[in-house]
Amino acid sequence: MKSIPVLPTVLLLTFASCVTPHRDDRFTGLWNVATLKIPPHATWRQRTGFVQQVWYEGEPFRGKSTRVFGYVGRPATGAGPFPAILLVHGGGGKAFAEWSTLWAERGYVALAMDLSGRGPDGQRSPDSGPDQDDGSKFRDFNDGDARDMWTYHAVAAVLRGHSLLAAQKEVDATRIGITGISWGGYLTCIIAGIDDRLKVAVPVYGCGFIHENSAWVDSRFAKMSPERRDRWVKYFEPSRHLPEVRCPILFVNGTTDFAYPLDSYQKSYRLVPRGADLCVKVGMKHGHKEGWSIPEIDWFVDSVLKQGTPLPRVGRMECSAGEARVTFRSELPMTKAELHYTTDSGPWQKRNWQSRDAELRGRTARANIPPERPLVVFMTVTDQRGAVASTEHMELK
C-alpha cells in the first residue's frame, strides 16, 4: 500500500489494495481477541424480509452468562460469498432492523446488534450484560471488575458478532467492515484498533479524547477523582487504540456536533498511523438515521470491500498570503470545492460556520481567507456523484 505522491496528509492511501497484516503485538487492552475470534453459540429465530433475529453468546457479567440480540440482514438474491458489515448503534439506540436491511439491499450481510441488553421487544433481557446508560458507562470501578463495565462488554459483543458473521457460509470472511454511530463510533475507534480482521472502518461522530473535551467532561469526568479518571482512560479511552488501526478508516462528523467536538476529533484521527479519510459537514445533525444516511459511508466501504470508486482524496491544506490551497486526487470529475470557516471562539458546538466557493484549477482548489482572527478554516471538495472529502481544520490566530 503506497501513499499518493506529493500529498503528505492524513488522508491519502490507495485503499483498494489494502491488506491488513497479521499482528501478534497489537495492543488489545482488556480484550482477549483470540478467544473472541471463536464463533459464538447462536440461536436463530424468525426471519422477516431481509433480516433474521439472532441471539448469540456474550461475555460473562458478574459471574453469569449473557446473550446478545441482533438482526442479521442478507441480500435477497445470490449465493455469495458476500461482503459483510457490523452496525454499531449509539446511546439510546438498539439493534436496528432497518439499518441492517439498508445494507442487505446493497449486497452485504449486515449484523446490527443490541448493546444495551435488550431484545426485539425493547425490554431488558434476564441474561443481559450491563445497560448503556451514562451511569453504567462511567460508574466507579476497580481493576478487578473492569470486565463488568459497559465498554468492555460492548466491544466484546461486536467482536463476537464479527466472528459470527465470518462463520456464515454466505459471507466472505476476508471482506468484513464496521461502522458505528455516536457511542458506536467511539466503540468503532477501539475495535478498529484491536480487531486485525477488519478491512474497513467508519466511526460517525464518535472519537477519542472524550476525557479532554466532549459532552461528558463536566457531567462525568469533572466529578471523578484523578485516580478514578485515570483508570477509566487507561481501560476505555479510544486514543489508546487508534494508533493500532491499520485498515482504511473514514471519520464522519459535523462542525458543531454537541458530543464530539472538532478538537478531540482532530487529535483522534491524527493517531491513525497510515492516515485517515475525513468527511466533515457543516450543520450535520446528530442522530442514528442521520448517521447512517451519509452516502460517503456507503461509497467508502464499497471502495474497499467491492473495489468501488474511492472518495476524493485531499492533501494538507496550506494557508498563506490570504489564501487557502489544497491539492486533491479523484477518479471522477470534480464539481465543487468550498472553504468553510468560523471566526467564533468558545465551545465548538456554539460556533457559527460560514461557507464560500473555492476555485477549482486542475487538481487544486483555492479560496481567499477572511482577514478576521481568530479563524478556524477547512476545505472540502465534491465529485460528480456528490461525494465530499474534507481537509483537517486549521486554527489561525
Protein backbone atom coordinates (compact mmCIF):
# COMPACT_ATOMS: atom_id res chain seq x y z
CA MET A 1 0.00 0.00 0.00
CA LYS A 2 1.52 3.30 -1.11
CA SER A 3 0.81 6.87 -0.18
CA ILE A 4 -0.06 9.07 -3.10
CA PRO A 5 2.98 11.17 -4.04
CA VAL A 6 3.22 14.90 -3.32
CA LEU A 7 0.25 14.81 -0.96
CA PRO A 8 1.67 14.28 2.55
CA THR A 9 -1.55 14.13 4.55
CA VAL A 10 -3.60 12.14 6.98
CA LEU A 11 -5.84 11.04 4.14
CA LEU A 12 -4.15 9.74 1.06
CA LEU A 13 -3.90 5.98 0.73
CA THR A 14 -4.60 3.62 -2.14
CA PHE A 15 -7.16 1.66 -0.18
CA ALA A 16 -8.25 -0.74 -2.90
CA SER A 17 -5.05 -2.71 -2.47
CA CYS A 18 -5.09 -2.62 1.35
CA VAL A 19 -4.35 -5.90 3.06
CA THR A 20 -4.29 -5.92 6.84
CA PRO A 21 -1.26 -7.91 8.01
CA HIS A 22 -1.49 -10.34 10.89
CA ARG A 23 -0.04 -8.70 14.00
CA ASP A 24 0.61 -10.53 17.25
CA ASP A 25 1.95 -7.45 19.03
CA ARG A 26 -1.16 -5.31 18.69
CA PHE A 27 -2.24 -3.64 21.93
CA THR A 28 -5.66 -5.09 22.81
CA GLY A 29 -6.14 -3.89 26.38
CA LEU A 30 -8.64 -5.89 28.41
CA TRP A 31 -9.87 -7.95 25.47
CA ASN A 32 -8.67 -11.48 24.74
CA VAL A 33 -9.08 -11.19 21.00
CA ALA A 34 -8.00 -14.77 20.29
CA THR A 35 -10.92 -16.05 22.38
CA LEU A 36 -13.35 -13.55 20.90
CA LYS A 37 -12.45 -14.74 17.39
CA ILE A 38 -14.08 -18.10 18.15
CA PRO A 39 -17.60 -18.13 16.64
CA PRO A 40 -20.12 -17.83 19.48
CA HIS A 41 -23.01 -20.19 20.06
CA ALA A 42 -26.06 -18.67 18.37
CA THR A 43 -29.80 -19.28 18.31
CA TRP A 44 -31.53 -18.18 15.14
CA ARG A 45 -35.14 -17.02 15.25
CA GLN A 46 -37.75 -15.72 12.82
CA ARG A 47 -36.91 -14.05 9.54
CA THR A 48 -38.88 -11.09 8.19
CA GLY A 49 -37.98 -9.67 4.82
CA PHE A 50 -34.23 -9.22 4.60
CA VAL A 51 -33.49 -9.75 8.30
CA GLN A 52 -33.40 -12.62 10.75
CA GLN A 53 -33.32 -12.42 14.53
CA VAL A 54 -30.36 -13.97 16.31
CA TRP A 55 -29.24 -14.37 19.92
CA TYR A 56 -25.58 -15.10 20.41
CA GLU A 57 -23.26 -15.75 23.32
CA GLY A 58 -21.83 -12.72 25.14
CA GLU A 59 -19.20 -12.23 27.82
CA PRO A 60 -19.93 -13.25 31.43
CA PHE A 61 -21.34 -10.39 33.53
CA ARG A 62 -20.83 -10.53 37.28
CA GLY A 63 -20.19 -14.25 37.00
CA LYS A 64 -23.28 -15.05 34.92
CA SER A 65 -23.54 -15.95 31.24
CA THR A 66 -25.09 -13.44 28.85
CA ARG A 67 -26.61 -13.28 25.39
CA VAL A 68 -26.61 -10.53 22.75
CA PHE A 69 -29.56 -9.89 20.46
CA GLY A 70 -29.19 -8.81 16.86
CA TYR A 71 -30.65 -8.63 13.38
CA VAL A 72 -28.73 -10.22 10.51
CA GLY A 73 -29.66 -8.88 7.08
CA ARG A 74 -28.90 -10.88 3.95
CA PRO A 75 -29.19 -9.96 0.27
CA ALA A 76 -32.40 -11.22 -1.32
CA THR A 77 -30.66 -12.78 -4.31
CA GLY A 78 -27.37 -14.53 -4.96
CA ALA A 79 -25.45 -17.20 -3.09
CA GLY A 80 -22.43 -15.13 -2.13
CA PRO A 81 -19.94 -15.07 -0.70
CA PHE A 82 -20.96 -11.52 0.16
CA PRO A 83 -19.04 -8.80 1.96
CA ALA A 84 -20.31 -8.09 5.47
CA ILE A 85 -20.68 -5.12 7.79
CA LEU A 86 -21.03 -4.68 11.55
CA LEU A 87 -23.51 -1.95 12.56
CA VAL A 88 -22.89 -0.44 16.00
CA HIS A 89 -25.57 1.80 17.47
CA GLY A 90 -25.09 4.73 19.83
CA GLY A 91 -26.67 5.93 23.05
CA GLY A 92 -30.42 5.39 23.17
CA GLY A 93 -30.11 3.06 20.20
CA LYS A 94 -30.83 -0.60 19.67
CA ALA A 95 -30.42 -3.36 17.12
CA PHE A 96 -31.99 -1.57 14.15
CA ALA A 97 -33.62 -3.97 11.66
CA GLU A 98 -33.98 -1.03 9.25
CA TRP A 99 -30.24 -0.34 9.31
CA SER A 100 -29.45 -3.99 8.65
CA THR A 101 -31.99 -4.02 5.81
CA LEU A 102 -30.41 -1.00 4.12
CA TRP A 103 -27.05 -2.77 3.90
CA ALA A 104 -28.63 -6.06 2.81
CA GLU A 105 -30.30 -4.21 -0.05
CA ARG A 106 -26.83 -3.01 -1.05
CA GLY A 107 -25.45 -6.56 -1.25
CA TYR A 108 -24.00 -7.00 2.23
CA VAL A 109 -24.63 -9.41 5.05
CA ALA A 110 -25.16 -7.00 7.94
CA LEU A 111 -25.32 -7.53 11.69
CA ALA A 112 -26.96 -4.86 13.84
CA MET A 113 -26.55 -5.94 17.45
CA ASP A 114 -28.08 -4.54 20.65
CA LEU A 115 -25.52 -3.26 23.16
CA SER A 116 -27.91 -2.28 25.95
CA GLY A 117 -29.01 -5.78 26.97
CA ARG A 118 -32.35 -5.63 25.17
CA GLY A 119 -34.21 -7.97 22.85
CA PRO A 120 -36.56 -7.38 19.91
CA ASP A 121 -39.31 -6.10 22.24
CA GLY A 122 -37.04 -3.40 23.65
CA GLN A 123 -37.11 -4.90 27.13
CA ARG A 124 -34.06 -5.81 29.19
CA SER A 125 -33.23 -9.49 28.89
CA PRO A 126 -32.75 -11.52 32.11
CA ASP A 127 -29.40 -12.76 30.76
CA SER A 128 -28.14 -9.39 29.53
CA GLY A 129 -24.91 -7.57 30.19
CA PRO A 130 -24.67 -4.02 31.59
CA ASP A 131 -27.05 -1.29 30.49
CA GLN A 132 -25.87 1.50 28.19
CA ASP A 133 -26.87 4.49 30.31
CA ASP A 134 -24.20 7.00 31.34
CA GLY A 135 -24.32 5.79 34.92
CA SER A 136 -23.18 2.36 33.74
CA LYS A 137 -20.54 3.71 31.37
CA PHE A 138 -18.90 5.97 33.94
CA ARG A 139 -19.56 4.24 37.26
CA ASP A 140 -16.74 3.78 39.72
CA PHE A 141 -14.86 0.52 39.28
CA ASN A 142 -11.56 -1.08 40.16
CA ASP A 143 -9.08 -3.15 38.20
CA GLY A 144 -10.76 -6.34 39.34
CA ASP A 145 -14.20 -5.58 37.93
CA ALA A 146 -13.17 -3.68 34.77
CA ARG A 147 -14.59 -6.53 32.69
CA ASP A 148 -18.04 -5.82 34.10
CA MET A 149 -18.05 -2.34 32.57
CA TRP A 150 -20.27 -1.48 29.61
CA THR A 151 -17.44 -0.62 27.22
CA TYR A 152 -15.76 -3.97 27.80
CA HIS A 153 -18.99 -5.86 27.08
CA ALA A 154 -19.92 -3.72 24.09
CA VAL A 155 -16.55 -4.18 22.38
CA ALA A 156 -16.62 -7.91 23.10
CA ALA A 157 -20.16 -8.20 21.71
CA VAL A 158 -19.08 -6.58 18.45
CA LEU A 159 -16.01 -8.82 18.13
CA ARG A 160 -18.15 -11.89 18.80
CA GLY A 161 -20.58 -10.57 16.21
CA HIS A 162 -17.71 -10.34 13.74
CA SER A 163 -16.85 -13.97 14.46
CA LEU A 164 -20.49 -14.95 13.98
CA LEU A 165 -20.67 -13.23 10.59
CA ALA A 166 -17.34 -14.66 9.44
CA ALA A 167 -18.61 -18.18 10.15
CA GLN A 168 -21.65 -17.84 7.87
CA LYS A 169 -21.30 -19.74 4.60
CA GLU A 170 -22.63 -16.83 2.53
CA VAL A 171 -20.07 -14.38 3.98
CA ASP A 172 -16.61 -13.67 2.60
CA ALA A 173 -14.69 -13.56 5.88
CA THR A 174 -11.90 -11.56 4.22
CA ARG A 175 -14.29 -8.68 3.41
CA ILE A 176 -15.85 -7.52 6.67
CA GLY A 177 -16.06 -3.91 7.85
CA ILE A 178 -17.62 -1.86 10.62
CA THR A 179 -19.46 1.41 11.07
CA GLY A 180 -20.77 2.89 14.31
CA ILE A 181 -22.76 5.98 15.27
CA SER A 182 -22.03 8.26 18.26
CA TRP A 183 -21.14 5.88 21.13
CA GLY A 184 -21.00 3.31 18.34
CA GLY A 185 -18.37 5.49 16.67
CA TYR A 186 -16.47 5.61 19.95
CA LEU A 187 -16.58 1.80 20.04
CA THR A 188 -15.57 1.59 16.37
CA CYS A 189 -12.38 3.55 17.16
CA ILE A 190 -11.46 0.97 19.80
CA ILE A 191 -12.49 -2.08 17.78
CA ALA A 192 -10.66 -0.97 14.62
CA GLY A 193 -7.50 -0.88 16.71
CA ILE A 194 -7.82 -4.31 18.31
CA ASP A 195 -9.52 -6.46 15.64
CA ASP A 196 -6.97 -7.15 12.92
CA ARG A 197 -9.57 -8.94 10.77
CA LEU A 198 -11.42 -5.75 9.87
CA LYS A 199 -10.82 -4.39 6.39
CA VAL A 200 -12.55 -1.01 6.71
CA ALA A 201 -13.97 1.16 9.49
CA VAL A 202 -16.23 4.24 9.61
CA PRO A 203 -16.76 5.91 13.00
CA VAL A 204 -19.54 8.51 12.78
CA TYR A 205 -19.39 11.36 15.34
CA GLY A 206 -17.64 9.22 17.96
CA CYS A 207 -13.92 9.63 18.63
CA GLY A 208 -11.35 9.64 21.42
CA PHE A 209 -10.10 12.19 23.93
CA ILE A 210 -13.58 12.43 25.42
CA HIS A 211 -11.99 12.97 28.82
CA GLU A 212 -10.43 16.20 27.49
CA ASN A 213 -13.32 17.68 25.54
CA SER A 214 -16.73 16.13 24.96
CA ALA A 215 -20.30 16.24 26.22
CA TRP A 216 -19.20 14.26 29.28
CA VAL A 217 -16.33 16.40 30.60
CA ASP A 218 -18.41 18.43 33.02
CA SER A 219 -21.15 15.91 33.75
CA ARG A 220 -18.88 12.92 34.37
CA PHE A 221 -15.12 13.37 34.23
CA ALA A 222 -15.01 16.58 36.26
CA LYS A 223 -16.72 14.75 39.12
CA MET A 224 -14.22 11.88 39.19
CA SER A 225 -11.17 11.74 41.41
CA PRO A 226 -7.89 11.89 39.44
CA GLU A 227 -7.28 8.21 40.20
CA ARG A 228 -10.72 7.18 39.01
CA ARG A 229 -10.44 9.30 35.85
CA ASP A 230 -7.03 7.85 35.01
CA ARG A 231 -8.35 4.32 35.46
CA TRP A 232 -11.24 4.97 33.04
CA VAL A 233 -8.87 6.45 30.48
CA LYS A 234 -6.44 3.56 30.89
CA TYR A 235 -9.05 0.94 30.05
CA PHE A 236 -11.68 2.61 27.88
CA GLU A 237 -10.29 5.65 26.04
CA PRO A 238 -10.15 5.18 22.22
CA SER A 239 -6.90 7.15 21.96
CA ARG A 240 -5.21 4.10 23.49
CA HIS A 241 -6.22 2.01 20.46
CA LEU A 242 -6.34 4.35 17.48
CA PRO A 243 -2.54 4.08 16.98
CA GLU A 244 -3.11 0.38 16.22
CA VAL A 245 -5.56 0.94 13.35
CA ARG A 246 -4.22 -0.50 10.10
CA CYS A 247 -7.32 -0.71 7.90
CA PRO A 248 -8.75 2.18 5.85
CA ILE A 249 -10.82 4.42 8.12
CA LEU A 250 -13.20 7.30 7.40
CA PHE A 251 -14.12 9.78 10.14
CA VAL A 252 -17.53 11.41 9.63
CA ASN A 253 -18.79 14.32 11.74
CA GLY A 254 -20.46 17.71 11.76
CA THR A 255 -18.78 21.01 12.57
CA THR A 256 -20.96 21.69 15.63
CA ASP A 257 -21.58 18.22 16.99
CA PHE A 258 -22.80 18.52 20.58
CA ALA A 259 -20.92 15.46 21.85
CA TYR A 260 -17.67 15.08 19.93
CA PRO A 261 -16.04 18.45 19.10
CA LEU A 262 -13.56 19.06 16.30
CA ASP A 263 -10.51 19.43 18.55
CA SER A 264 -10.95 15.95 20.06
CA TYR A 265 -11.79 14.69 16.59
CA GLN A 266 -8.56 16.02 15.13
CA LYS A 267 -6.44 14.55 17.93
CA SER A 268 -8.13 11.20 17.26
CA TYR A 269 -7.72 10.87 13.51
CA ARG A 270 -4.13 12.09 13.71
CA LEU A 271 -3.29 8.99 15.76
CA VAL A 272 -4.00 6.62 12.87
CA PRO A 273 -0.51 5.67 11.62
CA ARG A 274 -1.32 5.32 7.93
CA GLY A 275 -3.75 8.20 7.77
CA ALA A 276 -7.50 8.60 7.75
CA ASP A 277 -10.10 9.98 5.37
CA LEU A 278 -12.31 12.79 6.61
CA CYS A 279 -15.85 13.84 5.79
CA VAL A 280 -16.79 16.82 7.95
CA LYS A 281 -20.02 18.62 7.05
CA VAL A 282 -21.32 21.99 8.16
CA GLY A 283 -24.60 21.63 10.02
CA MET A 284 -24.66 17.84 10.10
CA LYS A 285 -27.20 16.77 12.73
CA HIS A 286 -26.57 14.12 15.39
CA GLY A 287 -28.71 11.00 15.26
CA HIS A 288 -28.91 7.40 14.22
CA LYS A 289 -30.79 7.86 10.96
CA GLU A 290 -28.75 10.98 10.18
CA GLY A 291 -25.61 8.96 10.90
CA TRP A 292 -26.43 6.05 8.64
CA SER A 293 -27.80 8.21 5.79
CA ILE A 294 -24.46 9.80 4.82
CA PRO A 295 -23.71 8.41 1.32
CA GLU A 296 -19.95 8.80 1.76
CA ILE A 297 -20.09 5.90 4.25
CA ASP A 298 -21.51 3.58 1.61
CA TRP A 299 -19.08 4.71 -1.07
CA PHE A 300 -16.09 4.43 1.22
CA VAL A 301 -16.96 0.91 2.35
CA ASP A 302 -17.70 -0.12 -1.25
CA SER A 303 -14.33 1.22 -2.38
CA VAL A 304 -12.59 -1.22 -0.05
CA LEU A 305 -14.87 -4.25 0.05
CA LYS A 306 -16.26 -4.11 -3.50
CA GLN A 307 -13.47 -2.28 -5.35
CA GLY A 308 -15.82 0.63 -5.91
CA THR A 309 -14.80 4.16 -6.79
CA PRO A 310 -13.00 5.76 -3.82
CA LEU A 311 -13.85 9.11 -2.32
CA PRO A 312 -11.81 12.09 -3.46
CA ARG A 313 -8.53 12.31 -1.56
CA VAL A 314 -7.24 15.66 -0.40
CA GLY A 315 -3.82 16.76 0.70
CA ARG A 316 -2.89 19.01 3.57
CA MET A 317 -4.40 22.47 3.30
CA GLU A 318 -1.91 25.32 3.11
CA CYS A 319 -2.76 28.84 4.21
CA SER A 320 -0.60 31.84 3.32
CA ALA A 321 -0.84 35.27 1.72
CA GLY A 322 -4.57 35.39 2.47
CA GLU A 323 -5.31 32.23 0.54
CA ALA A 324 -6.11 28.60 1.37
CA ARG A 325 -4.98 25.94 -1.08
CA VAL A 326 -5.39 22.18 -1.28
CA THR A 327 -4.36 19.59 -3.83
CA PHE A 328 -6.64 16.62 -4.39
CA ARG A 329 -6.96 13.41 -6.34
CA SER A 330 -10.17 11.92 -7.70
CA GLU A 331 -11.19 9.21 -10.13
CA LEU A 332 -14.30 11.21 -11.01
CA PRO A 333 -14.64 14.77 -12.27
CA MET A 334 -14.89 17.38 -9.52
CA THR A 335 -17.93 19.66 -9.41
CA LYS A 336 -17.30 21.86 -6.39
CA ALA A 337 -14.82 22.99 -3.78
CA GLU A 338 -15.61 25.07 -0.72
CA LEU A 339 -13.93 26.94 2.10
CA HIS A 340 -15.64 26.63 5.50
CA TYR A 341 -14.74 28.95 8.35
CA THR A 342 -15.74 30.37 11.70
CA THR A 343 -14.47 33.48 13.44
CA ASP A 344 -16.09 32.48 16.74
CA SER A 345 -14.28 31.26 19.83
CA GLY A 346 -15.53 29.24 22.77
CA PRO A 347 -17.36 25.90 22.70
CA TRP A 348 -17.22 24.26 19.29
CA GLN A 349 -20.90 23.37 19.26
CA LYS A 350 -21.87 27.04 19.61
CA ARG A 351 -19.75 28.42 16.79
CA ASN A 352 -21.33 29.81 13.65
CA TRP A 353 -19.86 28.41 10.43
CA GLN A 354 -19.90 30.04 7.02
CA SER A 355 -19.02 28.64 3.59
CA ARG A 356 -17.83 30.14 0.35
CA ASP A 357 -16.98 28.66 -3.03
CA ALA A 358 -13.37 27.85 -3.84
CA GLU A 359 -11.88 27.96 -7.31
CA LEU A 360 -11.01 24.66 -8.98
CA ARG A 361 -7.84 24.68 -11.09
CA GLY A 362 -6.90 21.22 -12.30
CA ARG A 363 -6.14 19.23 -9.16
CA THR A 364 -6.01 22.27 -6.92
CA ALA A 365 -8.68 24.24 -5.09
CA ARG A 366 -8.05 27.80 -3.87
CA ALA A 367 -10.06 30.30 -1.84
CA ASN A 368 -9.46 33.64 -0.16
CA ILE A 369 -9.29 33.53 3.64
CA PRO A 370 -11.24 36.08 5.69
CA PRO A 371 -8.92 38.54 7.47
CA GLU A 372 -10.58 38.14 10.90
CA ARG A 373 -8.67 36.42 13.69
CA PRO A 374 -9.01 34.05 15.39
CA LEU A 375 -10.16 31.95 12.46
CA VAL A 376 -10.80 28.23 12.04
CA VAL A 377 -10.89 27.02 8.47
CA PHE A 378 -11.05 23.84 6.41
CA MET A 379 -11.82 22.95 2.81
CA THR A 380 -13.95 20.33 1.07
CA VAL A 381 -14.03 19.01 -2.47
CA THR A 382 -17.02 17.29 -4.09
CA ASP A 383 -17.06 14.89 -7.04
CA GLN A 384 -19.81 14.49 -9.62
CA ARG A 385 -21.78 11.94 -7.59
CA GLY A 386 -21.77 14.30 -4.59
CA ALA A 387 -19.06 12.61 -2.52
CA VAL A 388 -17.42 15.07 -0.11
CA ALA A 389 -13.87 14.84 1.23
CA SER A 390 -12.51 17.24 3.85
CA THR A 391 -9.14 18.58 4.90
CA GLU A 392 -8.16 18.88 8.51
CA HIS A 393 -9.29 22.12 10.11
CA MET A 394 -6.65 24.74 10.83
CA GLU A 395 -6.74 27.38 13.55
CA LEU A 396 -5.28 30.74 12.59
CA LYS A 397 -4.53 33.31 15.28
